[in-house]
Amino acid sequence: MQAVKTRLAEEIMEEIDGLSKEKLKEVLGFVSYIKAKETIDPTQAYFWTKGWQKMEAEADKDKKARKIIGDGTAKGLIRELKS
């Protein structure tokens, strides 16, 4: 079994060798998705999709740049919209 795991690890390393930083992040995200898939609620699987993760990253950038209304929470947004 160890020999099979070692060979698979070698094959994976060959495949990712030379990938850009962004592509490596994508691979890592996919690996995280596969690992989490066994432990997460299936109704929450959308959160791990590439599209959703892209939107999360954009939201984090907006929060950091203070391009949000309120304090970044739904309650904060509603409070600001009501005022």
Protein backbone atom coordinates (compact mmCIF):
# COMPACT_ATOMS: atom_id res chain seq x y z
CA MET A 1 0.00 0.00 0.00
CA GLN A 2 2.84 2.41 0.84
CA ALA A 3 4.40 1.85 -2.60
CA VAL A 4 1.09 2.77 -4.25
CA LYS A 5 0.80 5.95 -2.15
CA THR A 6 4.38 6.88 -2.97
CA ARG A 7 3.80 6.41 -6.70
CA LEU A 8 0.60 8.43 -6.57
CA ALA A 9 2.40 11.22 -4.72
CA GLU A 10 5.11 11.21 -7.41
CA GLU A 11 2.48 11.38 -10.16
CA ILE A 12 0.75 14.30 -8.45
CA MET A 13 4.04 16.16 -8.08
CA GLU A 14 4.80 15.59 -11.78
CA GLU A 15 1.39 16.99 -12.74
CA ILE A 16 1.65 20.15 -10.65
CA ASP A 17 5.31 20.87 -11.40
CA GLY A 18 5.56 24.19 -13.16
CA LEU A 19 2.02 25.37 -12.45
CA SER A 20 1.57 29.03 -11.66
CA LYS A 21 0.87 30.20 -8.12
CA GLU A 22 -2.79 30.78 -9.00
CA LYS A 23 -3.17 27.30 -10.47
CA LEU A 24 -1.52 25.77 -7.39
CA LYS A 25 -4.02 27.65 -5.20
CA GLU A 26 -6.81 26.21 -7.32
CA VAL A 27 -5.41 22.68 -6.87
CA LEU A 28 -5.14 23.21 -3.12
CA GLY A 29 -8.70 24.49 -3.03
CA PHE A 30 -9.89 21.39 -4.85
CA VAL A 31 -8.01 19.12 -2.45
CA SER A 32 -9.60 20.95 0.47
CA TYR A 33 -12.99 20.49 -1.16
CA ILE A 34 -12.43 16.75 -1.56
CA LYS A 35 -11.31 16.39 2.06
CA ALA A 36 -14.15 18.52 3.40
CA LYS A 37 -16.78 16.82 1.26
CA GLU A 38 -16.77 13.88 3.64
CA THR A 39 -17.31 16.05 6.70
CA ILE A 40 -19.47 18.95 5.54
CA ASP A 41 -23.22 19.10 5.32
CA PRO A 42 -24.11 18.37 1.66
CA THR A 43 -26.45 21.38 1.68
CA GLN A 44 -23.37 23.56 2.29
CA ALA A 45 -21.31 22.11 -0.59
CA TYR A 46 -21.95 25.20 -2.74
CA PHE A 47 -19.62 27.13 -0.43
CA TRP A 48 -16.65 25.11 -1.71
CA THR A 49 -17.28 25.72 -5.39
CA LYS A 50 -14.76 27.77 -7.33
CA GLY A 51 -17.34 30.45 -8.12
CA TRP A 52 -18.43 30.87 -4.52
CA GLN A 53 -14.84 31.01 -3.27
CA LYS A 54 -14.12 33.72 -5.86
CA MET A 55 -17.04 35.76 -4.53
CA GLU A 56 -15.81 35.25 -0.96
CA ALA A 57 -12.36 36.52 -1.94
CA GLU A 58 -13.91 39.58 -3.60
CA ALA A 59 -16.00 40.26 -0.50
CA ASP A 60 -12.90 40.01 1.70
CA LYS A 61 -11.11 42.54 -0.54
CA ASP A 62 -14.09 44.91 -0.34
CA LYS A 63 -14.18 44.61 3.46
CA LYS A 64 -10.46 45.30 3.68
CA ALA A 65 -10.83 48.35 1.39
CA ARG A 66 -13.87 49.50 3.42
CA LYS A 67 -16.09 49.35 0.34
CA ILE A 68 -19.03 47.99 2.28
CA ILE A 69 -22.14 49.44 3.85
CA GLY A 70 -22.33 48.86 7.58
CA ASP A 71 -20.01 46.65 9.56
CA GLY A 72 -19.92 43.69 7.18
CA THR A 73 -22.82 41.85 8.77
CA ALA A 74 -26.40 41.47 7.54
CA LYS A 75 -27.64 43.31 10.65
CA GLY A 76 -25.17 46.12 10.01
CA LEU A 77 -26.35 46.45 6.41
CA ILE A 78 -30.02 46.54 7.43
CA ARG A 79 -29.25 49.10 10.15
CA GLU A 80 -27.48 51.33 7.59
CA LEU A 81 -30.26 50.97 5.03
CA LYS A 82 -32.87 51.95 7.60
CA SER A 83 -30.98 55.05 8.70
